[in-house]
Amino acid sequence: MQFIPDSFLSPVRLWLLLVVLALAIFYVAMQAKRRKYAVRFTNIELLDKVAPAGPGWRRHLPAAVFLVALTSLVVAFARPSQDTNVPKEQATVIMAIDTSLSMQATDVFPSRLDGAKEAAISFIEDLPDNLNLGIVSFNGVATIRVQPTTNHTAAIASVEALELGPATAIGEAIFASLDAIELVANDGEETPPARIVLMSDGETTVGRADEQAIEAAQQAGIAVSTIAFGTDEGSIVIPEEPLPVPVPVNRDKLAEIADATGGQFFAAQSTSELADVYRDIGSQISFETIQDEIGPSFVGIGLVLLALSAAMSLLWFSRLP
């Protein structure tokens, strides 16, 4: 438990700290007045007999602890809270992974496809057990490899088995992902919260246009977060071509899809960056942030300090503060 609040649910109550401050000022003023009264005794020898050396710092410690206790109780009264991540219930995530021939480019070590597999598997392993995960792969066609399931082992096996194919059908991948999400709903029940995470290094070359897929996602209320994976220096070798064919990443198209559907756009130029992106997405789709009140902790601190203040005062001065 951390004792630094992220926010206060009733912050206006913190104005009561001014009362604590006023008490502290009043205490200091009274001590100054007491010292001023004491120096009126001009006979130092008589002063030593009437008012021998006092307990020094022990006189002020109970009061200081008492004021800190009041401060803690006021903070508790203002309802301090911390942002806490809790697992989402019944969430569904569809991972759409590009397997077009451009994914064999080695600008990402050891290749774009191998890097994508490694990062995707790490992402899956970190997901909560109760989260439904589906896998869609796409090149010239889009295929639902794994229907949404909590069997993440099957999803990992599917990712490991991905193979390359010609062309790129991002629009079809979004339609296939939407179809996979519909499989989660049973007998007309409301579809649970879902998101599509689409990773690609190119743009649509076959199949239905991105605009059609965007419209379908909007109508379904499903956000599509996109990841542009690779660098502008990527190239592949095609037997019919005498020179390597450049396959730069088309970030603009992928960003348009995310913006239009309410998702987020990310760019990664290495396997480690892609893993970081997936980790960031995972924290968003797997958990939700709630405000957890921590006021009772401050009440406990305040009560302990009040008891400590009383104990010190009774032990040293035989009275309560």
C-alpha atoms as a PDB file:
ATOM      1  CA  MET A   1       0.000   0.000   0.000  1.00  0.00           C
ATOM      2  CA  GLN A   2       1.361   3.370  -1.026  1.00  0.00           C
ATOM      3  CA  PHE A   3       0.473   6.396   1.079  1.00  0.00           C
ATOM      4  CA  ILE A   4       0.680   8.997  -1.675  1.00  0.00           C
ATOM      5  CA  PRO A   5      -2.878   9.562  -3.043  1.00  0.00           C
ATOM      6  CA  ASP A   6      -3.411  10.039  -6.766  1.00  0.00           C
ATOM      7  CA  SER A   7      -6.499  12.148  -6.098  1.00  0.00           C
ATOM      8  CA  PHE A   8      -9.132  13.071  -3.520  1.00  0.00           C
ATOM      9  CA  LEU A   9     -12.835  12.303  -3.930  1.00  0.00           C
ATOM     10  CA  SER A  10     -13.758  15.206  -1.611  1.00  0.00           C
ATOM     11  CA  PRO A  11     -10.855  17.641  -2.076  1.00  0.00           C
ATOM     12  CA  VAL A  12     -12.740  20.620  -0.620  1.00  0.00           C
ATOM     13  CA  ARG A  13     -12.380  19.029   2.825  1.00  0.00           C
ATOM     14  CA  LEU A  14      -8.630  19.597   2.648  1.00  0.00           C
ATOM     15  CA  TRP A  15      -9.346  23.201   3.606  1.00  0.00           C
ATOM     16  CA  LEU A  16      -9.637  21.845   7.150  1.00  0.00           C
ATOM     17  CA  LEU A  17      -5.852  21.602   7.102  1.00  0.00           C
ATOM     18  CA  LEU A  18      -5.934  25.354   7.680  1.00  0.00           C
ATOM     19  CA  VAL A  19      -7.427  24.614  11.109  1.00  0.00           C
ATOM     20  CA  VAL A  20      -4.483  22.322  11.871  1.00  0.00           C
ATOM     21  CA  LEU A  21      -2.105  25.029  10.674  1.00  0.00           C
ATOM     22  CA  ALA A  22      -3.856  27.581  12.904  1.00  0.00           C
ATOM     23  CA  LEU A  23      -3.421  25.263  15.894  1.00  0.00           C
ATOM     24  CA  ALA A  24       0.270  24.892  15.106  1.00  0.00           C
ATOM     25  CA  ILE A  25       0.703  28.671  14.883  1.00  0.00           C
ATOM     26  CA  PHE A  26      -1.229  29.142  18.139  1.00  0.00           C
ATOM     27  CA  TYR A  27       0.996  26.575  19.875  1.00  0.00           C
ATOM     28  CA  VAL A  28       4.175  28.305  18.702  1.00  0.00           C
ATOM     29  CA  ALA A  29       2.792  31.670  19.813  1.00  0.00           C
ATOM     30  CA  MET A  30       1.917  30.333  23.249  1.00  0.00           C
ATOM     31  CA  GLN A  31       5.417  28.898  23.663  1.00  0.00           C
ATOM     32  CA  ALA A  32       6.934  32.248  22.711  1.00  0.00           C
ATOM     33  CA  LYS A  33       4.680  34.019  25.235  1.00  0.00           C
ATOM     34  CA  ARG A  34       5.699  31.555  27.919  1.00  0.00           C
ATOM     35  CA  ARG A  35       9.400  32.195  27.308  1.00  0.00           C
ATOM     36  CA  LYS A  36       8.785  35.947  27.354  1.00  0.00           C
ATOM     37  CA  TYR A  37       7.050  35.651  30.731  1.00  0.00           C
ATOM     38  CA  ALA A  38       9.890  33.529  32.118  1.00  0.00           C
ATOM     39  CA  VAL A  39      12.610  36.092  31.346  1.00  0.00           C
ATOM     40  CA  ARG A  40      10.861  38.685  33.542  1.00  0.00           C
ATOM     41  CA  PHE A  41      12.501  36.971  36.515  1.00  0.00           C
ATOM     42  CA  THR A  42      15.658  38.999  37.001  1.00  0.00           C
ATOM     43  CA  ASN A  43      16.985  36.809  39.815  1.00  0.00           C
ATOM     44  CA  ILE A  44      18.522  33.939  37.855  1.00  0.00           C
ATOM     45  CA  GLU A  45      19.218  31.942  41.024  1.00  0.00           C
ATOM     46  CA  LEU A  46      15.581  32.242  42.055  1.00  0.00           C
ATOM     47  CA  LEU A  47      14.453  31.323  38.520  1.00  0.00           C
ATOM     48  CA  ASP A  48      16.486  28.120  38.683  1.00  0.00           C
ATOM     49  CA  LYS A  49      14.724  27.140  41.893  1.00  0.00           C
ATOM     50  CA  VAL A  50      11.210  28.108  40.731  1.00  0.00           C
ATOM     51  CA  ALA A  51      11.521  26.802  37.178  1.00  0.00           C
ATOM     52  CA  PRO A  52      14.333  24.279  36.931  1.00  0.00           C
ATOM     53  CA  ALA A  53      15.491  22.992  33.553  1.00  0.00           C
ATOM     54  CA  GLY A  54      12.488  21.588  31.712  1.00  0.00           C
ATOM     55  CA  PRO A  55      12.241  18.498  29.590  1.00  0.00           C
ATOM     56  CA  GLY A  56      13.299  20.396  26.456  1.00  0.00           C
ATOM     57  CA  TRP A  57      12.256  18.680  23.213  1.00  0.00           C
ATOM     58  CA  ARG A  58      10.047  16.220  25.093  1.00  0.00           C
ATOM     59  CA  ARG A  59       7.695  19.096  25.960  1.00  0.00           C
ATOM     60  CA  HIS A  60       6.974  19.727  22.264  1.00  0.00           C
ATOM     61  CA  LEU A  61       7.001  16.197  20.853  1.00  0.00           C
ATOM     62  CA  PRO A  62       3.489  15.155  22.025  1.00  0.00           C
ATOM     63  CA  ALA A  63       2.030  18.326  20.530  1.00  0.00           C
ATOM     64  CA  ALA A  64       3.864  17.766  17.233  1.00  0.00           C
ATOM     65  CA  VAL A  65       2.653  14.165  17.038  1.00  0.00           C
ATOM     66  CA  PHE A  66      -0.878  15.340  17.889  1.00  0.00           C
ATOM     67  CA  LEU A  67      -0.831  17.843  15.000  1.00  0.00           C
ATOM     68  CA  VAL A  68       0.445  15.208  12.573  1.00  0.00           C
ATOM     69  CA  ALA A  69      -2.358  12.915  13.734  1.00  0.00           C
ATOM     70  CA  LEU A  70      -4.932  15.625  13.028  1.00  0.00           C
ATOM     71  CA  THR A  71      -3.395  16.136   9.591  1.00  0.00           C
ATOM     72  CA  SER A  72      -3.725  12.443   8.819  1.00  0.00           C
ATOM     73  CA  LEU A  73      -7.373  12.424   9.922  1.00  0.00           C
ATOM     74  CA  VAL A  74      -8.167  15.462   7.758  1.00  0.00           C
ATOM     75  CA  VAL A  75      -6.552  13.764   4.761  1.00  0.00           C
ATOM     76  CA  ALA A  76      -8.691  10.686   5.443  1.00  0.00           C
ATOM     77  CA  PHE A  77     -11.812  12.902   5.666  1.00  0.00           C
ATOM     78  CA  ALA A  78     -11.021  14.198   2.152  1.00  0.00           C
ATOM     79  CA  ARG A  79     -11.319  10.605   0.846  1.00  0.00           C
ATOM     80  CA  PRO A  80      -7.902  10.002  -0.722  1.00  0.00           C
ATOM     81  CA  SER A  81      -7.786   7.477  -3.551  1.00  0.00           C
ATOM     82  CA  GLN A  82      -5.295   5.681  -5.750  1.00  0.00           C
ATOM     83  CA  ASP A  83      -5.696   4.517  -9.335  1.00  0.00           C
ATOM     84  CA  THR A  84      -5.761   0.721  -9.292  1.00  0.00           C
ATOM     85  CA  ASN A  85      -5.768  -1.650 -12.265  1.00  0.00           C
ATOM     86  CA  VAL A  86      -8.216  -4.536 -12.021  1.00  0.00           C
ATOM     87  CA  PRO A  87      -8.788  -7.264 -14.647  1.00  0.00           C
ATOM     88  CA  LYS A  88     -11.653  -6.643 -17.055  1.00  0.00           C
ATOM     89  CA  GLU A  89     -14.348  -9.279 -17.188  1.00  0.00           C
ATOM     90  CA  GLN A  90     -15.268 -11.075 -20.440  1.00  0.00           C
ATOM     91  CA  ALA A  91     -13.177  -8.846 -22.713  1.00  0.00           C
ATOM     92  CA  THR A  92     -12.413 -10.095 -26.228  1.00  0.00           C
ATOM     93  CA  VAL A  93      -9.308  -9.316 -28.252  1.00  0.00           C
ATOM     94  CA  ILE A  94      -8.684 -10.274 -31.863  1.00  0.00           C
ATOM     95  CA  MET A  95      -5.082 -10.266 -33.017  1.00  0.00           C
ATOM     96  CA  ALA A  96      -4.861  -9.786 -36.799  1.00  0.00           C
ATOM     97  CA  ILE A  97      -1.348 -10.547 -38.046  1.00  0.00           C
ATOM     98  CA  ASP A  98      -0.011  -9.727 -41.506  1.00  0.00           C
ATOM     99  CA  THR A  99       1.531 -12.735 -43.282  1.00  0.00           C
ATOM    100  CA  SER A 100       2.099 -11.141 -46.692  1.00  0.00           C
ATOM    101  CA  LEU A 101       5.371 -11.782 -48.529  1.00  0.00           C
ATOM    102  CA  SER A 102       6.742  -8.405 -47.435  1.00  0.00           C
ATOM    103  CA  MET A 103       6.923  -9.830 -43.913  1.00  0.00           C
ATOM    104  CA  GLN A 104       9.981 -11.847 -44.943  1.00  0.00           C
ATOM    105  CA  ALA A 105      12.033  -8.617 -45.024  1.00  0.00           C
ATOM    106  CA  THR A 106      15.060  -8.763 -42.753  1.00  0.00           C
ATOM    107  CA  ASP A 107      15.242  -5.080 -41.811  1.00  0.00           C
ATOM    108  CA  VAL A 108      13.894  -6.399 -38.487  1.00  0.00           C
ATOM    109  CA  PHE A 109      16.047  -9.199 -37.076  1.00  0.00           C
ATOM    110  CA  PRO A 110      15.707 -12.040 -37.856  1.00  0.00           C
ATOM    111  CA  SER A 111      12.757 -11.088 -40.081  1.00  0.00           C
ATOM    112  CA  ARG A 112       9.543  -9.140 -39.781  1.00  0.00           C
ATOM    113  CA  LEU A 113       7.468 -12.307 -39.492  1.00  0.00           C
ATOM    114  CA  ASP A 114       9.702 -13.965 -36.909  1.00  0.00           C
ATOM    115  CA  GLY A 115       9.830 -10.761 -34.876  1.00  0.00           C
ATOM    116  CA  ALA A 116       6.036 -10.462 -35.092  1.00  0.00           C
ATOM    117  CA  LYS A 117       5.617 -14.040 -33.879  1.00  0.00           C
ATOM    118  CA  GLU A 118       7.966 -13.518 -30.931  1.00  0.00           C
ATOM    119  CA  ALA A 119       6.246 -10.299 -29.815  1.00  0.00           C
ATOM    120  CA  ALA A 120       2.752 -11.736 -30.302  1.00  0.00           C
ATOM    121  CA  ILE A 121       3.518 -14.822 -28.210  1.00  0.00           C
ATOM    122  CA  SER A 122       4.926 -12.648 -25.422  1.00  0.00           C
ATOM    123  CA  PHE A 123       1.748 -10.539 -25.582  1.00  0.00           C
ATOM    124  CA  ILE A 124      -0.482 -13.607 -25.343  1.00  0.00           C
ATOM    125  CA  GLU A 125       1.436 -15.020 -22.385  1.00  0.00           C
ATOM    126  CA  ASP A 126       0.861 -11.811 -20.403  1.00  0.00           C
ATOM    127  CA  LEU A 127      -2.913 -11.703 -20.969  1.00  0.00           C
ATOM    128  CA  PRO A 128      -5.293 -12.551 -18.109  1.00  0.00           C
ATOM    129  CA  ASP A 129      -6.569 -16.125 -18.224  1.00  0.00           C
ATOM    130  CA  ASN A 130     -10.221 -15.049 -18.473  1.00  0.00           C
ATOM    131  CA  LEU A 131      -9.721 -12.878 -21.563  1.00  0.00           C
ATOM    132  CA  ASN A 132     -11.104 -14.240 -24.840  1.00  0.00           C
ATOM    133  CA  LEU A 133      -8.452 -14.166 -27.557  1.00  0.00           C
ATOM    134  CA  GLY A 134      -8.890 -14.817 -31.262  1.00  0.00           C
ATOM    135  CA  ILE A 135      -6.224 -15.032 -33.987  1.00  0.00           C
ATOM    136  CA  VAL A 136      -6.697 -13.843 -37.579  1.00  0.00           C
ATOM    137  CA  SER A 137      -3.978 -14.036 -40.203  1.00  0.00           C
ATOM    138  CA  PHE A 138      -4.101 -12.263 -43.541  1.00  0.00           C
ATOM    139  CA  ASN A 139      -2.216 -12.024 -46.796  1.00  0.00           C
ATOM    140  CA  GLY A 140      -4.283 -12.204 -49.988  1.00  0.00           C
ATOM    141  CA  VAL A 141      -7.099 -13.688 -47.892  1.00  0.00           C
ATOM    142  CA  ALA A 142      -8.030 -13.363 -44.227  1.00  0.00           C
ATOM    143  CA  THR A 143      -8.473 -16.477 -42.102  1.00  0.00           C
ATOM    144  CA  ILE A 144      -9.770 -16.953 -38.561  1.00  0.00           C
ATOM    145  CA  ARG A 145      -7.061 -19.208 -37.170  1.00  0.00           C
ATOM    146  CA  VAL A 146      -8.452 -19.385 -33.637  1.00  0.00           C
ATOM    147  CA  GLN A 147     -11.945 -18.375 -32.599  1.00  0.00           C
ATOM    148  CA  PRO A 148     -12.116 -16.224 -29.442  1.00  0.00           C
ATOM    149  CA  THR A 149     -11.214 -18.501 -26.551  1.00  0.00           C
ATOM    150  CA  THR A 150      -9.566 -18.492 -23.151  1.00  0.00           C
ATOM    151  CA  ASN A 151      -7.362 -21.355 -24.394  1.00  0.00           C
ATOM    152  CA  HIS A 152      -4.314 -19.168 -24.955  1.00  0.00           C
ATOM    153  CA  THR A 153      -2.129 -22.203 -25.588  1.00  0.00           C
ATOM    154  CA  ALA A 154      -4.040 -22.813 -28.816  1.00  0.00           C
ATOM    155  CA  ALA A 155      -3.544 -19.191 -29.798  1.00  0.00           C
ATOM    156  CA  ILE A 156       0.220 -19.456 -29.277  1.00  0.00           C
ATOM    157  CA  ALA A 157       0.379 -22.617 -31.370  1.00  0.00           C
ATOM    158  CA  SER A 158      -1.524 -20.853 -34.132  1.00  0.00           C
ATOM    159  CA  VAL A 159       0.904 -17.920 -34.133  1.00  0.00           C
ATOM    160  CA  GLU A 160       3.891 -20.249 -34.246  1.00  0.00           C
ATOM    161  CA  ALA A 161       2.455 -21.959 -37.352  1.00  0.00           C
ATOM    162  CA  LEU A 162       1.889 -18.793 -39.410  1.00  0.00           C
ATOM    163  CA  GLU A 163       3.254 -18.883 -42.952  1.00  0.00           C
ATOM    164  CA  LEU A 164       3.651 -16.271 -45.682  1.00  0.00           C
ATOM    165  CA  GLY A 165       1.450 -15.750 -48.735  1.00  0.00           C
ATOM    166  CA  PRO A 166       1.105 -13.218 -51.573  1.00  0.00           C
ATOM    167  CA  ALA A 167      -0.779  -9.888 -51.440  1.00  0.00           C
ATOM    168  CA  THR A 168      -2.234  -7.923 -48.511  1.00  0.00           C
ATOM    169  CA  ALA A 169      -5.927  -7.729 -47.574  1.00  0.00           C
ATOM    170  CA  ILE A 170      -6.209  -5.455 -44.538  1.00  0.00           C
ATOM    171  CA  GLY A 171      -9.873  -4.717 -45.207  1.00  0.00           C
ATOM    172  CA  GLU A 172     -10.674  -8.436 -45.284  1.00  0.00           C
ATOM    173  CA  ALA A 173      -8.710  -8.904 -42.051  1.00  0.00           C
ATOM    174  CA  ILE A 174     -10.947  -6.385 -40.283  1.00  0.00           C
ATOM    175  CA  PHE A 175     -14.099  -8.057 -41.624  1.00  0.00           C
ATOM    176  CA  ALA A 176     -12.816 -11.479 -40.497  1.00  0.00           C
ATOM    177  CA  SER A 177     -11.996 -10.049 -37.059  1.00  0.00           C
ATOM    178  CA  LEU A 178     -15.513  -8.617 -36.738  1.00  0.00           C
ATOM    179  CA  ASP A 179     -16.929 -12.028 -37.679  1.00  0.00           C
ATOM    180  CA  ALA A 180     -14.776 -13.637 -34.987  1.00  0.00           C
ATOM    181  CA  ILE A 181     -16.079 -11.201 -32.374  1.00  0.00           C
ATOM    182  CA  GLU A 182     -19.683 -12.051 -33.281  1.00  0.00           C
ATOM    183  CA  LEU A 183     -18.932 -15.685 -32.452  1.00  0.00           C
ATOM    184  CA  VAL A 184     -18.572 -14.691 -28.790  1.00  0.00           C
ATOM    185  CA  ALA A 185     -22.192 -13.550 -28.501  1.00  0.00           C
ATOM    186  CA  ASN A 186     -24.645 -16.362 -27.816  1.00  0.00           C
ATOM    187  CA  ASP A 187     -28.255 -16.414 -29.038  1.00  0.00           C
ATOM    188  CA  GLY A 188     -28.531 -12.692 -29.609  1.00  0.00           C
ATOM    189  CA  GLU A 189     -26.923 -11.702 -26.319  1.00  0.00           C
ATOM    190  CA  GLU A 190     -25.018  -8.451 -26.190  1.00  0.00           C
ATOM    191  CA  THR A 191     -21.444  -8.767 -27.480  1.00  0.00           C
ATOM    192  CA  PRO A 192     -18.925  -8.270 -24.647  1.00  0.00           C
ATOM    193  CA  PRO A 193     -16.323  -5.479 -24.865  1.00  0.00           C
ATOM    194  CA  ALA A 194     -13.951  -6.185 -27.737  1.00  0.00           C
ATOM    195  CA  ARG A 195     -11.046  -4.717 -29.634  1.00  0.00           C
ATOM    196  CA  ILE A 196      -9.108  -5.586 -32.749  1.00  0.00           C
ATOM    197  CA  VAL A 197      -5.315  -5.273 -32.742  1.00  0.00           C
ATOM    198  CA  LEU A 198      -4.054  -5.343 -36.327  1.00  0.00           C
ATOM    199  CA  MET A 199      -0.352  -5.556 -37.136  1.00  0.00           C
ATOM    200  CA  SER A 200       0.868  -4.976 -40.685  1.00  0.00           C
ATOM    201  CA  ASP A 201       3.786  -3.608 -42.676  1.00  0.00           C
ATOM    202  CA  GLY A 202       1.918  -2.528 -45.808  1.00  0.00           C
ATOM    203  CA  GLU A 203      -1.386  -1.498 -47.312  1.00  0.00           C
ATOM    204  CA  THR A 204      -4.380  -3.160 -48.883  1.00  0.00           C
ATOM    205  CA  THR A 205      -3.706  -4.559 -52.356  1.00  0.00           C
ATOM    206  CA  VAL A 206      -6.628  -6.995 -52.740  1.00  0.00           C
ATOM    207  CA  GLY A 207     -10.078  -7.586 -51.271  1.00  0.00           C
ATOM    208  CA  ARG A 208     -12.535  -5.088 -49.886  1.00  0.00           C
ATOM    209  CA  ALA A 209     -11.251  -1.563 -49.377  1.00  0.00           C
ATOM    210  CA  ASP A 210     -10.143  -0.203 -46.018  1.00  0.00           C
ATOM    211  CA  GLU A 211     -13.005   2.314 -46.117  1.00  0.00           C
ATOM    212  CA  GLN A 212     -15.591  -0.470 -46.204  1.00  0.00           C
ATOM    213  CA  ALA A 213     -13.933  -2.204 -43.266  1.00  0.00           C
ATOM    214  CA  ILE A 214     -13.750   1.052 -41.320  1.00  0.00           C
ATOM    215  CA  GLU A 215     -17.475   1.617 -41.839  1.00  0.00           C
ATOM    216  CA  ALA A 216     -18.256  -1.920 -40.663  1.00  0.00           C
ATOM    217  CA  ALA A 217     -16.123  -1.460 -37.526  1.00  0.00           C
ATOM    218  CA  GLN A 218     -17.814   1.861 -36.798  1.00  0.00           C
ATOM    219  CA  GLN A 219     -21.266   0.309 -37.099  1.00  0.00           C
ATOM    220  CA  ALA A 220     -20.233  -2.505 -34.766  1.00  0.00           C
ATOM    221  CA  GLY A 221     -18.685  -0.052 -32.301  1.00  0.00           C
ATOM    222  CA  ILE A 222     -15.379  -1.930 -32.371  1.00  0.00           C
ATOM    223  CA  ALA A 223     -12.099  -0.007 -32.130  1.00  0.00           C
ATOM    224  CA  VAL A 224      -9.257  -1.157 -34.366  1.00  0.00           C
ATOM    225  CA  SER A 225      -5.788  -0.418 -32.997  1.00  0.00           C
ATOM    226  CA  THR A 226      -3.104  -0.716 -35.656  1.00  0.00           C
ATOM    227  CA  ILE A 227       0.631  -1.359 -35.508  1.00  0.00           C
ATOM    228  CA  ALA A 228       2.979  -0.449 -38.357  1.00  0.00           C
ATOM    229  CA  PHE A 229       5.875  -2.883 -38.114  1.00  0.00           C
ATOM    230  CA  GLY A 230       9.164  -2.514 -39.962  1.00  0.00           C
ATOM    231  CA  THR A 231      11.381   0.225 -41.387  1.00  0.00           C
ATOM    232  CA  ASP A 232      11.503   2.223 -44.597  1.00  0.00           C
ATOM    233  CA  GLU A 233      14.650   0.311 -45.611  1.00  0.00           C
ATOM    234  CA  GLY A 234      12.964  -3.082 -45.832  1.00  0.00           C
ATOM    235  CA  SER A 235      13.238  -5.114 -49.036  1.00  0.00           C
ATOM    236  CA  ILE A 236      12.542  -8.651 -50.244  1.00  0.00           C
ATOM    237  CA  VAL A 237      13.995 -10.865 -52.938  1.00  0.00           C
ATOM    238  CA  ILE A 238      11.602 -12.030 -55.651  1.00  0.00           C
ATOM    239  CA  PRO A 239      12.890 -14.634 -58.134  1.00  0.00           C
ATOM    240  CA  GLU A 240      11.451 -12.778 -61.135  1.00  0.00           C
ATOM    241  CA  GLU A 241      13.092  -9.502 -60.164  1.00  0.00           C
ATOM    242  CA  PRO A 242      16.816  -8.831 -60.750  1.00  0.00           C
ATOM    243  CA  LEU A 243      17.087  -6.554 -57.712  1.00  0.00           C
ATOM    244  CA  PRO A 244      15.579  -6.641 -54.218  1.00  0.00           C
ATOM    245  CA  VAL A 245      12.105  -5.070 -54.136  1.00  0.00           C
ATOM    246  CA  PRO A 246      11.650  -2.270 -51.561  1.00  0.00           C
ATOM    247  CA  VAL A 247       8.820  -2.858 -49.041  1.00  0.00           C
ATOM    248  CA  PRO A 248       8.627   0.294 -46.895  1.00  0.00           C
ATOM    249  CA  VAL A 249       6.009   0.480 -44.164  1.00  0.00           C
ATOM    250  CA  ASN A 250       2.850   2.440 -44.982  1.00  0.00           C
ATOM    251  CA  ARG A 251       2.158   4.118 -41.660  1.00  0.00           C
ATOM    252  CA  ASP A 252      -0.373   6.637 -42.967  1.00  0.00           C
ATOM    253  CA  LYS A 253      -2.927   4.033 -44.057  1.00  0.00           C
ATOM    254  CA  LEU A 254      -2.733   2.169 -40.780  1.00  0.00           C
ATOM    255  CA  ALA A 255      -3.029   5.416 -38.812  1.00  0.00           C
ATOM    256  CA  GLU A 256      -6.173   6.312 -40.758  1.00  0.00           C
ATOM    257  CA  ILE A 257      -7.825   3.028 -39.772  1.00  0.00           C
ATOM    258  CA  ALA A 258      -7.060   3.558 -36.083  1.00  0.00           C
ATOM    259  CA  ASP A 259      -8.192   7.183 -36.086  1.00  0.00           C
ATOM    260  CA  ALA A 260     -11.442   6.447 -37.905  1.00  0.00           C
ATOM    261  CA  THR A 261     -12.462   3.567 -35.618  1.00  0.00           C
ATOM    262  CA  GLY A 262     -11.451   5.076 -32.271  1.00  0.00           C
ATOM    263  CA  GLY A 263      -8.400   2.876 -31.865  1.00  0.00           C
ATOM    264  CA  GLN A 264      -4.765   3.804 -31.369  1.00  0.00           C
ATOM    265  CA  PHE A 265      -1.929   3.815 -33.861  1.00  0.00           C
ATOM    266  CA  PHE A 266       1.548   2.548 -33.023  1.00  0.00           C
ATOM    267  CA  ALA A 267       4.781   2.196 -34.968  1.00  0.00           C
ATOM    268  CA  ALA A 268       7.546  -0.288 -34.200  1.00  0.00           C
ATOM    269  CA  GLN A 269      10.852  -0.690 -36.005  1.00  0.00           C
ATOM    270  CA  SER A 270      12.239  -3.635 -34.057  1.00  0.00           C
ATOM    271  CA  THR A 271      11.042  -6.732 -32.283  1.00  0.00           C
ATOM    272  CA  SER A 272      11.669  -5.148 -28.882  1.00  0.00           C
ATOM    273  CA  GLU A 273       9.665  -2.048 -29.864  1.00  0.00           C
ATOM    274  CA  LEU A 274       6.833  -4.263 -31.091  1.00  0.00           C
ATOM    275  CA  ALA A 275       6.884  -6.149 -27.783  1.00  0.00           C
ATOM    276  CA  ASP A 276       6.655  -2.824 -25.937  1.00  0.00           C
ATOM    277  CA  VAL A 277       3.687  -1.793 -28.084  1.00  0.00           C
ATOM    278  CA  TYR A 278       1.878  -5.048 -27.403  1.00  0.00           C
ATOM    279  CA  ARG A 279       2.630  -4.677 -23.698  1.00  0.00           C
ATOM    280  CA  ASP A 280       1.147  -1.176 -23.728  1.00  0.00           C
ATOM    281  CA  ILE A 281      -1.951  -2.370 -25.561  1.00  0.00           C
ATOM    282  CA  GLY A 282      -2.270  -5.337 -23.222  1.00  0.00           C
ATOM    283  CA  SER A 283      -2.361  -3.108 -20.156  1.00  0.00           C
ATOM    284  CA  GLN A 284      -5.191  -1.114 -21.737  1.00  0.00           C
ATOM    285  CA  ILE A 285      -7.385  -3.938 -22.956  1.00  0.00           C
ATOM    286  CA  SER A 286      -6.822  -6.346 -20.065  1.00  0.00           C
ATOM    287  CA  PHE A 287      -7.376  -3.995 -17.163  1.00  0.00           C
ATOM    288  CA  GLU A 288      -9.511  -1.044 -16.196  1.00  0.00           C
ATOM    289  CA  THR A 289      -8.542   1.696 -13.781  1.00  0.00           C
ATOM    290  CA  ILE A 290     -10.677   2.272 -10.708  1.00  0.00           C
ATOM    291  CA  GLN A 291     -10.299   4.763  -7.876  1.00  0.00           C
ATOM    292  CA  ASP A 292      -9.552   2.780  -4.755  1.00  0.00           C
ATOM    293  CA  GLU A 293     -10.168   4.749  -1.553  1.00  0.00           C
ATOM    294  CA  ILE A 294      -7.290   4.579   0.913  1.00  0.00           C
ATOM    295  CA  GLY A 295      -8.811   6.799   3.603  1.00  0.00           C
ATOM    296  CA  PRO A 296      -8.946   4.033   6.239  1.00  0.00           C
ATOM    297  CA  SER A 297      -5.150   3.822   6.114  1.00  0.00           C
ATOM    298  CA  PHE A 298      -4.868   7.478   7.051  1.00  0.00           C
ATOM    299  CA  VAL A 299      -7.486   7.032   9.790  1.00  0.00           C
ATOM    300  CA  GLY A 300      -5.392   4.208  11.220  1.00  0.00           C
ATOM    301  CA  ILE A 301      -2.239   6.332  11.110  1.00  0.00           C
ATOM    302  CA  GLY A 302      -4.051   9.213  12.787  1.00  0.00           C
ATOM    303  CA  LEU A 303      -5.419   7.050  15.595  1.00  0.00           C
ATOM    304  CA  VAL A 304      -2.025   5.466  16.248  1.00  0.00           C
ATOM    305  CA  LEU A 305      -0.406   8.899  16.423  1.00  0.00           C
ATOM    306  CA  LEU A 306      -3.112  10.202  18.769  1.00  0.00           C
ATOM    307  CA  ALA A 307      -2.517   7.255  21.072  1.00  0.00           C
ATOM    308  CA  LEU A 308       1.247   7.809  20.875  1.00  0.00           C
ATOM    309  CA  SER A 309       0.834  11.487  21.675  1.00  0.00           C
ATOM    310  CA  ALA A 310      -1.329  10.670  24.698  1.00  0.00           C
ATOM    311  CA  ALA A 311       1.120   8.003  25.913  1.00  0.00           C
ATOM    312  CA  MET A 312       4.115  10.358  25.719  1.00  0.00           C
ATOM    313  CA  SER A 313       2.247  13.116  27.519  1.00  0.00           C
ATOM    314  CA  LEU A 314       1.115  10.810  30.318  1.00  0.00           C
ATOM    315  CA  LEU A 315       4.542   9.213  30.680  1.00  0.00           C
ATOM    316  CA  TRP A 316       6.507  12.455  30.782  1.00  0.00           C
ATOM    317  CA  PHE A 317       4.061  14.980  32.239  1.00  0.00           C
ATOM    318  CA  SER A 318       1.285  12.883  33.892  1.00  0.00           C
ATOM    319  CA  ARG A 319      -1.383  14.587  31.809  1.00  0.00           C
ATOM    320  CA  LEU A 320      -3.027  14.369  28.410  1.00  0.00           C
ATOM    321  CA  PRO A 321      -1.929  16.770  25.656  1.00  0.00           C
END
